[in-house]
Amino acid sequence: MGRRIDYYDDPDAPKANSLVPSVNVVVTNDNGEILMIRRTDNDNWAVPGGAIDLGESIAEAGIRETKEETGIDIEITGLIGLYSDPKHVIHYTSNDEVRQEFSILLTARPVGGTPRLSDESREVTWVPAEEAIKRHMDRSMRLRIEHFVEGCEKPIIS
């Protein structure tokens, strides 16, 4: 498996060669905890997510990615924002793809399943919201979680 390397406003970063719509999901339980994974490709903490496949809706992608990465079944409940900062590029070393950030951040609630690990997650856990932003993660993921915690009235568009 290759690695994922995030760059932000870095003059030494490789140039983007793709733009892939993706989705991330902030899943919260009845205790207000956020479902988080510790990624296998960079050891960072994140909320579940990934690329939207052809023939799939945004909601379907969020539901599928969350189930694949965590074992948890979810129901999508809302939209936090759209993130497309061209200063943020992600280098996938397995195929030398360098993506410009393009992520849709959704909210959801769990409806079933049991937390389990996957090829993409070395840890899966529920984390109190105020603790979530203190975990080791990429700056763009931290920003997304902060936007959720702040409870913005309108969707973020960046």
N, C-alpha and C. Protein backbone atom coordinates (compact mmCIF):
# COMPACT_ATOMS: atom_id res chain seq x y z
N MET A 1 0.85 -1.18 0.00
CA MET A 1 0.00 0.00 0.00
C MET A 1 0.89 1.25 0.00
N GLY A 2 0.50 2.20 -0.79
CA GLY A 2 1.23 3.46 -0.84
C GLY A 2 0.89 4.35 0.33
N ARG A 3 1.50 5.49 0.33
CA ARG A 3 1.26 6.46 1.39
C ARG A 3 0.46 7.62 0.85
N ARG A 4 -0.14 8.36 1.74
CA ARG A 4 -0.84 9.59 1.43
C ARG A 4 -0.06 10.71 2.10
N ILE A 5 0.32 11.72 1.31
CA ILE A 5 1.06 12.85 1.85
C ILE A 5 0.28 14.12 1.52
N ASP A 6 -0.13 14.84 2.55
CA ASP A 6 -0.87 16.09 2.37
C ASP A 6 0.11 17.26 2.38
N TYR A 7 -0.11 18.20 1.46
CA TYR A 7 0.69 19.43 1.39
C TYR A 7 -0.27 20.61 1.43
N TYR A 8 0.14 21.67 2.10
CA TYR A 8 -0.67 22.88 2.08
C TYR A 8 0.23 24.08 1.83
N ASP A 9 -0.06 24.80 0.75
CA ASP A 9 0.66 26.02 0.39
C ASP A 9 2.17 25.80 0.47
N ASP A 10 2.61 24.67 -0.08
CA ASP A 10 4.01 24.27 -0.02
C ASP A 10 4.64 24.40 -1.41
N PRO A 11 5.62 25.31 -1.58
CA PRO A 11 6.21 25.48 -2.91
C PRO A 11 6.93 24.23 -3.41
N ASP A 12 7.27 23.31 -2.50
CA ASP A 12 7.94 22.06 -2.90
C ASP A 12 6.96 20.92 -3.16
N ALA A 13 5.67 21.18 -3.01
CA ALA A 13 4.66 20.14 -3.24
C ALA A 13 4.60 19.81 -4.74
N PRO A 14 4.31 18.55 -5.06
CA PRO A 14 4.11 18.22 -6.48
C PRO A 14 2.85 18.92 -6.99
N LYS A 15 2.81 19.17 -8.29
CA LYS A 15 1.65 19.83 -8.90
C LYS A 15 0.49 18.84 -9.01
N ALA A 16 -0.70 19.35 -8.77
CA ALA A 16 -1.90 18.51 -8.88
C ALA A 16 -2.05 18.00 -10.31
N ASN A 17 -2.45 16.72 -10.44
CA ASN A 17 -2.72 16.14 -11.75
C ASN A 17 -4.11 15.53 -11.83
N SER A 18 -4.92 15.74 -10.76
CA SER A 18 -6.30 15.25 -10.79
C SER A 18 -7.17 16.03 -9.80
N LEU A 19 -8.45 15.93 -10.03
CA LEU A 19 -9.46 16.52 -9.15
C LEU A 19 -10.55 15.46 -9.02
N VAL A 20 -10.71 14.91 -7.82
CA VAL A 20 -11.63 13.80 -7.60
C VAL A 20 -12.63 14.19 -6.52
N PRO A 21 -13.91 14.31 -6.87
CA PRO A 21 -14.90 14.62 -5.84
C PRO A 21 -14.90 13.53 -4.76
N SER A 22 -14.85 13.98 -3.51
CA SER A 22 -14.85 13.03 -2.40
C SER A 22 -15.81 13.52 -1.32
N VAL A 23 -16.01 12.67 -0.35
CA VAL A 23 -16.94 12.97 0.74
C VAL A 23 -16.28 12.58 2.05
N ASN A 24 -16.53 13.37 3.09
CA ASN A 24 -16.18 13.02 4.46
C ASN A 24 -17.45 13.14 5.28
N VAL A 25 -17.53 12.34 6.35
CA VAL A 25 -18.76 12.30 7.14
C VAL A 25 -18.43 12.44 8.63
N VAL A 26 -19.05 13.45 9.27
CA VAL A 26 -18.98 13.59 10.72
C VAL A 26 -20.19 12.86 11.28
N VAL A 27 -19.93 11.67 11.82
CA VAL A 27 -20.98 10.85 12.41
C VAL A 27 -20.95 11.09 13.92
N THR A 28 -22.09 11.48 14.49
CA THR A 28 -22.16 11.70 15.93
C THR A 28 -23.19 10.76 16.56
N ASN A 29 -22.84 10.26 17.72
CA ASN A 29 -23.77 9.37 18.44
C ASN A 29 -24.60 10.17 19.44
N ASP A 30 -25.43 9.47 20.20
CA ASP A 30 -26.33 10.14 21.16
C ASP A 30 -25.58 10.86 22.28
N ASN A 31 -24.32 10.52 22.49
CA ASN A 31 -23.50 11.18 23.51
C ASN A 31 -22.75 12.38 22.96
N GLY A 32 -22.96 12.70 21.66
CA GLY A 32 -22.27 13.82 21.04
C GLY A 32 -20.84 13.50 20.65
N GLU A 33 -20.47 12.22 20.66
CA GLU A 33 -19.12 11.82 20.27
C GLU A 33 -19.05 11.67 18.74
N ILE A 34 -17.85 11.91 18.20
CA ILE A 34 -17.61 11.83 16.77
C ILE A 34 -16.91 10.52 16.44
N LEU A 35 -17.37 9.84 15.40
CA LEU A 35 -16.74 8.61 14.93
C LEU A 35 -15.46 8.98 14.17
N MET A 36 -14.32 8.48 14.63
CA MET A 36 -13.05 8.81 13.99
C MET A 36 -12.26 7.55 13.68
N ILE A 37 -11.42 7.68 12.66
CA ILE A 37 -10.51 6.60 12.29
C ILE A 37 -9.08 7.13 12.36
N ARG A 38 -8.17 6.22 12.61
CA ARG A 38 -6.75 6.51 12.46
C ARG A 38 -6.32 5.82 11.18
N ARG A 39 -5.94 6.63 10.19
CA ARG A 39 -5.68 6.14 8.85
C ARG A 39 -4.45 5.24 8.80
N THR A 40 -4.48 4.25 7.93
CA THR A 40 -3.33 3.37 7.75
C THR A 40 -2.29 3.97 6.82
N ASP A 41 -2.68 4.90 5.94
CA ASP A 41 -1.74 5.41 4.94
C ASP A 41 -0.89 6.58 5.41
N ASN A 42 -1.29 7.25 6.51
CA ASN A 42 -0.46 8.37 7.00
C ASN A 42 -0.48 8.49 8.54
N ASP A 43 -1.20 7.59 9.20
CA ASP A 43 -1.29 7.53 10.66
C ASP A 43 -2.03 8.73 11.27
N ASN A 44 -2.66 9.56 10.45
CA ASN A 44 -3.44 10.69 10.94
C ASN A 44 -4.85 10.25 11.34
N TRP A 45 -5.45 11.02 12.25
CA TRP A 45 -6.85 10.83 12.60
C TRP A 45 -7.71 11.58 11.60
N ALA A 46 -8.90 11.05 11.34
CA ALA A 46 -9.81 11.66 10.37
C ALA A 46 -11.22 11.15 10.63
N VAL A 47 -12.18 11.81 10.00
CA VAL A 47 -13.53 11.25 9.95
C VAL A 47 -13.57 10.39 8.68
N PRO A 48 -14.47 9.41 8.61
CA PRO A 48 -14.52 8.53 7.45
C PRO A 48 -14.79 9.29 6.16
N GLY A 49 -14.31 8.73 5.06
CA GLY A 49 -14.60 9.34 3.77
C GLY A 49 -13.73 8.80 2.68
N GLY A 50 -14.02 9.26 1.45
CA GLY A 50 -13.26 8.85 0.28
C GLY A 50 -13.92 9.32 -0.99
N ALA A 51 -13.41 8.84 -2.10
CA ALA A 51 -13.87 9.26 -3.42
C ALA A 51 -15.30 8.81 -3.69
N ILE A 52 -16.01 9.65 -4.44
CA ILE A 52 -17.35 9.30 -4.90
C ILE A 52 -17.19 8.50 -6.19
N ASP A 53 -17.77 7.30 -6.23
CA ASP A 53 -17.66 6.45 -7.41
C ASP A 53 -18.68 6.85 -8.47
N LEU A 54 -18.35 6.56 -9.73
CA LEU A 54 -19.30 6.79 -10.82
C LEU A 54 -20.59 6.03 -10.52
N GLY A 55 -21.72 6.65 -10.81
CA GLY A 55 -23.01 6.02 -10.58
C GLY A 55 -23.49 6.10 -9.14
N GLU A 56 -22.79 6.84 -8.30
CA GLU A 56 -23.09 6.92 -6.88
C GLU A 56 -23.44 8.36 -6.51
N SER A 57 -24.42 8.56 -5.65
CA SER A 57 -24.73 9.90 -5.16
C SER A 57 -23.77 10.28 -4.04
N ILE A 58 -23.79 11.54 -3.67
CA ILE A 58 -22.96 12.02 -2.55
C ILE A 58 -23.33 11.25 -1.27
N ALA A 59 -24.62 11.14 -0.99
CA ALA A 59 -25.07 10.44 0.22
C ALA A 59 -24.67 8.97 0.18
N GLU A 60 -24.85 8.32 -0.96
CA GLU A 60 -24.47 6.91 -1.08
C GLU A 60 -22.98 6.71 -0.82
N ALA A 61 -22.16 7.64 -1.33
CA ALA A 61 -20.71 7.54 -1.12
C ALA A 61 -20.39 7.68 0.37
N GLY A 62 -21.02 8.63 1.04
CA GLY A 62 -20.78 8.81 2.47
C GLY A 62 -21.17 7.59 3.28
N ILE A 63 -22.30 7.01 2.95
CA ILE A 63 -22.78 5.80 3.64
C ILE A 63 -21.82 4.64 3.38
N ARG A 64 -21.42 4.44 2.12
CA ARG A 64 -20.52 3.34 1.76
C ARG A 64 -19.15 3.49 2.41
N GLU A 65 -18.56 4.69 2.28
CA GLU A 65 -17.22 4.90 2.84
C GLU A 65 -17.20 4.71 4.35
N THR A 66 -18.23 5.20 5.03
CA THR A 66 -18.29 5.04 6.48
C THR A 66 -18.38 3.56 6.86
N LYS A 67 -19.23 2.82 6.17
CA LYS A 67 -19.37 1.38 6.45
C LYS A 67 -18.05 0.65 6.17
N GLU A 68 -17.41 0.96 5.01
CA GLU A 68 -16.16 0.28 4.66
C GLU A 68 -15.05 0.55 5.68
N GLU A 69 -14.94 1.78 6.13
CA GLU A 69 -13.82 2.17 6.98
C GLU A 69 -14.05 1.92 8.47
N THR A 70 -15.33 1.83 8.88
CA THR A 70 -15.62 1.75 10.32
C THR A 70 -16.52 0.59 10.75
N GLY A 71 -17.30 0.02 9.83
CA GLY A 71 -18.28 -1.00 10.18
C GLY A 71 -19.60 -0.43 10.65
N ILE A 72 -19.72 0.89 10.69
CA ILE A 72 -20.93 1.55 11.19
C ILE A 72 -21.86 1.92 10.04
N ASP A 73 -23.14 1.58 10.17
CA ASP A 73 -24.18 1.99 9.22
C ASP A 73 -24.68 3.36 9.66
N ILE A 74 -24.92 4.25 8.68
CA ILE A 74 -25.32 5.62 9.02
C ILE A 74 -26.49 6.10 8.17
N GLU A 75 -27.07 7.18 8.66
CA GLU A 75 -28.08 7.93 7.92
C GLU A 75 -27.54 9.36 7.81
N ILE A 76 -27.49 9.89 6.59
CA ILE A 76 -27.00 11.25 6.37
C ILE A 76 -28.04 12.23 6.91
N THR A 77 -27.56 13.25 7.66
CA THR A 77 -28.48 14.21 8.27
C THR A 77 -28.27 15.65 7.83
N GLY A 78 -27.14 15.95 7.18
CA GLY A 78 -26.92 17.33 6.79
C GLY A 78 -25.61 17.57 6.06
N LEU A 79 -25.38 18.84 5.77
CA LEU A 79 -24.20 19.29 5.03
C LEU A 79 -23.48 20.35 5.86
N ILE A 80 -22.18 20.18 6.04
CA ILE A 80 -21.37 21.19 6.71
C ILE A 80 -20.75 22.14 5.69
N GLY A 81 -20.21 21.56 4.60
CA GLY A 81 -19.61 22.45 3.61
C GLY A 81 -18.91 21.74 2.48
N LEU A 82 -18.36 22.57 1.59
CA LEU A 82 -17.61 22.14 0.41
C LEU A 82 -16.20 22.70 0.53
N TYR A 83 -15.21 21.85 0.36
CA TYR A 83 -13.82 22.24 0.55
C TYR A 83 -13.04 21.95 -0.73
N SER A 84 -12.51 23.00 -1.36
CA SER A 84 -11.81 22.83 -2.63
C SER A 84 -10.59 23.74 -2.74
N ASP A 85 -9.88 23.92 -1.66
CA ASP A 85 -8.73 24.82 -1.62
C ASP A 85 -7.61 24.30 -2.53
N PRO A 86 -7.27 25.01 -3.61
CA PRO A 86 -6.21 24.53 -4.51
C PRO A 86 -4.82 24.54 -3.87
N LYS A 87 -4.68 25.18 -2.72
CA LYS A 87 -3.39 25.15 -2.02
C LYS A 87 -3.16 23.81 -1.32
N HIS A 88 -4.24 23.03 -1.15
CA HIS A 88 -4.13 21.72 -0.51
C HIS A 88 -4.10 20.65 -1.59
N VAL A 89 -2.97 19.94 -1.68
CA VAL A 89 -2.86 18.81 -2.61
C VAL A 89 -2.49 17.56 -1.82
N ILE A 90 -2.93 16.43 -2.33
CA ILE A 90 -2.74 15.15 -1.67
C ILE A 90 -2.01 14.22 -2.63
N HIS A 91 -0.83 13.78 -2.25
CA HIS A 91 -0.01 12.90 -3.09
C HIS A 91 -0.20 11.45 -2.64
N TYR A 92 -0.70 10.62 -3.57
CA TYR A 92 -0.85 9.19 -3.33
C TYR A 92 0.35 8.52 -3.98
N THR A 93 1.25 8.00 -3.17
CA THR A 93 2.51 7.49 -3.70
C THR A 93 2.35 6.17 -4.46
N SER A 94 1.26 5.44 -4.24
CA SER A 94 1.08 4.14 -4.91
C SER A 94 0.95 4.29 -6.42
N ASN A 95 0.38 5.40 -6.88
CA ASN A 95 0.21 5.61 -8.32
C ASN A 95 0.66 7.00 -8.77
N ASP A 96 1.29 7.74 -7.90
CA ASP A 96 1.81 9.09 -8.16
C ASP A 96 0.71 10.09 -8.53
N GLU A 97 -0.52 9.80 -8.09
CA GLU A 97 -1.61 10.75 -8.29
C GLU A 97 -1.45 11.88 -7.28
N VAL A 98 -1.67 13.11 -7.74
CA VAL A 98 -1.63 14.28 -6.87
C VAL A 98 -2.95 15.02 -7.06
N ARG A 99 -3.81 14.91 -6.07
CA ARG A 99 -5.16 15.49 -6.16
C ARG A 99 -5.23 16.87 -5.54
N GLN A 100 -5.95 17.74 -6.21
CA GLN A 100 -6.36 18.98 -5.56
C GLN A 100 -7.52 18.61 -4.64
N GLU A 101 -7.54 19.20 -3.46
CA GLU A 101 -8.63 18.94 -2.51
C GLU A 101 -9.98 19.26 -3.15
N PHE A 102 -10.94 18.35 -2.98
CA PHE A 102 -12.33 18.59 -3.36
C PHE A 102 -13.18 17.66 -2.50
N SER A 103 -13.67 18.16 -1.39
CA SER A 103 -14.38 17.31 -0.45
C SER A 103 -15.69 17.94 -0.01
N ILE A 104 -16.71 17.11 0.08
CA ILE A 104 -18.02 17.50 0.57
C ILE A 104 -18.15 16.93 1.98
N LEU A 105 -18.38 17.79 2.96
CA LEU A 105 -18.44 17.34 4.35
C LEU A 105 -19.89 17.25 4.80
N LEU A 106 -20.30 16.04 5.16
CA LEU A 106 -21.67 15.75 5.58
C LEU A 106 -21.73 15.44 7.07
N THR A 107 -22.94 15.48 7.62
CA THR A 107 -23.18 14.99 8.98
C THR A 107 -24.06 13.76 8.88
N ALA A 108 -23.98 12.92 9.92
CA ALA A 108 -24.77 11.70 9.93
C ALA A 108 -24.95 11.20 11.35
N ARG A 109 -25.87 10.26 11.49
CA ARG A 109 -26.06 9.58 12.77
C ARG A 109 -25.96 8.08 12.52
N PRO A 110 -25.48 7.33 13.51
CA PRO A 110 -25.37 5.88 13.35
C PRO A 110 -26.75 5.22 13.44
N VAL A 111 -26.95 4.17 12.64
CA VAL A 111 -28.21 3.42 12.70
C VAL A 111 -27.97 1.93 12.89
N GLY A 112 -26.71 1.52 13.00
CA GLY A 112 -26.40 0.11 13.20
C GLY A 112 -24.93 -0.16 12.98
N GLY A 113 -24.59 -1.44 13.03
CA GLY A 113 -23.22 -1.86 12.80
C GLY A 113 -22.40 -1.87 14.08
N THR A 114 -21.20 -2.40 13.95
CA THR A 114 -20.26 -2.50 15.06
C THR A 114 -18.91 -1.98 14.59
N PRO A 115 -18.25 -1.14 15.40
CA PRO A 115 -16.95 -0.63 14.97
C PRO A 115 -15.96 -1.76 14.68
N ARG A 116 -15.28 -1.63 13.53
CA ARG A 116 -14.26 -2.62 13.15
C ARG A 116 -13.20 -1.93 12.31
N LEU A 117 -12.03 -2.53 12.26
CA LEU A 117 -10.93 -2.00 11.47
C LEU A 117 -11.08 -2.39 10.01
N SER A 118 -10.33 -1.70 9.14
CA SER A 118 -10.35 -2.00 7.71
C SER A 118 -8.94 -1.79 7.16
N ASP A 119 -8.78 -1.98 5.86
CA ASP A 119 -7.50 -1.71 5.21
C ASP A 119 -7.11 -0.24 5.34
N GLU A 120 -8.11 0.63 5.54
CA GLU A 120 -7.86 2.06 5.60
C GLU A 120 -7.83 2.62 7.02
N SER A 121 -8.24 1.82 7.99
CA SER A 121 -8.31 2.32 9.37
C SER A 121 -7.62 1.36 10.34
N ARG A 122 -6.63 1.88 11.07
CA ARG A 122 -5.92 1.07 12.06
C ARG A 122 -6.57 1.20 13.44
N GLU A 123 -7.39 2.26 13.62
CA GLU A 123 -8.20 2.41 14.83
C GLU A 123 -9.54 3.02 14.43
N VAL A 124 -10.59 2.61 15.11
CA VAL A 124 -11.92 3.17 14.93
C VAL A 124 -12.46 3.41 16.32
N THR A 125 -12.87 4.66 16.61
CA THR A 125 -13.33 4.96 17.96
C THR A 125 -14.26 6.16 17.97
N TRP A 126 -15.06 6.25 19.02
CA TRP A 126 -15.91 7.41 19.26
C TRP A 126 -15.14 8.37 20.16
N VAL A 127 -15.07 9.63 19.75
CA VAL A 127 -14.25 10.62 20.46
C VAL A 127 -15.12 11.81 20.83
N PRO A 128 -15.06 12.29 22.10
CA PRO A 128 -15.78 13.51 22.44
C PRO A 128 -15.37 14.65 21.48
N ALA A 129 -16.34 15.44 21.05
CA ALA A 129 -16.08 16.49 20.04
C ALA A 129 -14.93 17.41 20.44
N GLU A 130 -14.89 17.80 21.71
CA GLU A 130 -13.83 18.73 22.14
C GLU A 130 -12.45 18.09 22.11
N GLU A 131 -12.40 16.76 22.17
CA GLU A 131 -11.13 16.03 22.07
C GLU A 131 -10.73 15.77 20.63
N ALA A 132 -11.71 15.67 19.75
CA ALA A 132 -11.44 15.29 18.36
C ALA A 132 -10.43 16.21 17.70
N ILE A 133 -10.57 17.52 17.88
CA ILE A 133 -9.68 18.45 17.20
C ILE A 133 -8.27 18.47 17.80
N LYS A 134 -8.07 17.79 18.92
CA LYS A 134 -6.75 17.74 19.55
C LYS A 134 -5.91 16.57 19.03
N ARG A 135 -6.52 15.69 18.26
CA ARG A 135 -5.80 14.51 17.75
C ARG A 135 -4.88 14.93 16.60
N HIS A 136 -3.88 14.10 16.34
CA HIS A 136 -2.94 14.36 15.25
C HIS A 136 -3.64 14.14 13.91
N MET A 137 -3.76 15.22 13.11
CA MET A 137 -4.44 15.14 11.82
C MET A 137 -3.95 16.24 10.91
N ASP A 138 -4.28 16.10 9.63
CA ASP A 138 -3.94 17.15 8.68
C ASP A 138 -4.75 18.40 8.99
N ARG A 139 -4.18 19.57 8.67
CA ARG A 139 -4.83 20.86 8.97
C ARG A 139 -6.20 20.97 8.31
N SER A 140 -6.39 20.42 7.12
CA SER A 140 -7.69 20.54 6.46
C SER A 140 -8.75 19.71 7.18
N MET A 141 -8.38 18.56 7.72
CA MET A 141 -9.33 17.75 8.48
C MET A 141 -9.68 18.46 9.78
N ARG A 142 -8.68 19.04 10.44
CA ARG A 142 -8.94 19.79 11.68
C ARG A 142 -9.91 20.94 11.42
N LEU A 143 -9.71 21.65 10.32
CA LEU A 143 -10.58 22.76 9.96
C LEU A 143 -12.03 22.29 9.77
N ARG A 144 -12.20 21.17 9.11
CA ARG A 144 -13.55 20.62 8.89
C ARG A 144 -14.23 20.27 10.21
N ILE A 145 -13.49 19.61 11.10
CA ILE A 145 -14.06 19.24 12.40
C ILE A 145 -14.36 20.49 13.22
N GLU A 146 -13.48 21.49 13.15
CA GLU A 146 -13.75 22.75 13.86
C GLU A 146 -15.03 23.40 13.34
N HIS A 147 -15.24 23.38 12.02
CA HIS A 147 -16.46 23.95 11.46
C HIS A 147 -17.69 23.21 12.01
N PHE A 148 -17.60 21.89 12.13
CA PHE A 148 -18.71 21.13 12.69
C PHE A 148 -18.95 21.53 14.15
N VAL A 149 -17.88 21.56 14.95
CA VAL A 149 -18.00 21.87 16.38
C VAL A 149 -18.56 23.28 16.59
N GLU A 150 -18.15 24.22 15.73
CA GLU A 150 -18.64 25.61 15.84
C GLU A 150 -20.11 25.73 15.47
N GLY A 151 -20.63 24.77 14.70
CA GLY A 151 -22.04 24.79 14.33
C GLY A 151 -22.42 25.95 13.43
N CYS A 152 -21.71 26.13 12.35
CA CYS A 152 -21.97 27.23 11.41
C CYS A 152 -23.42 27.18 10.91
N GLU A 153 -24.02 28.37 10.77
CA GLU A 153 -25.41 28.46 10.32
C GLU A 153 -25.59 28.08 8.87
N LYS A 154 -24.64 28.45 8.03
CA LYS A 154 -24.71 28.17 6.58
C LYS A 154 -23.56 27.25 6.21
N PRO A 155 -23.73 26.49 5.13
CA PRO A 155 -22.62 25.63 4.70
C PRO A 155 -21.37 26.45 4.36
N ILE A 156 -20.22 25.90 4.69
CA ILE A 156 -18.93 26.49 4.37
C ILE A 156 -18.65 26.21 2.90
N ILE A 157 -18.20 27.20 2.17
CA ILE A 157 -17.79 26.99 0.78
C ILE A 157 -16.41 27.60 0.65
N SER A 158 -15.40 26.73 0.50
CA SER A 158 -14.02 27.22 0.39
C SER A 158 -13.30 26.55 -0.75
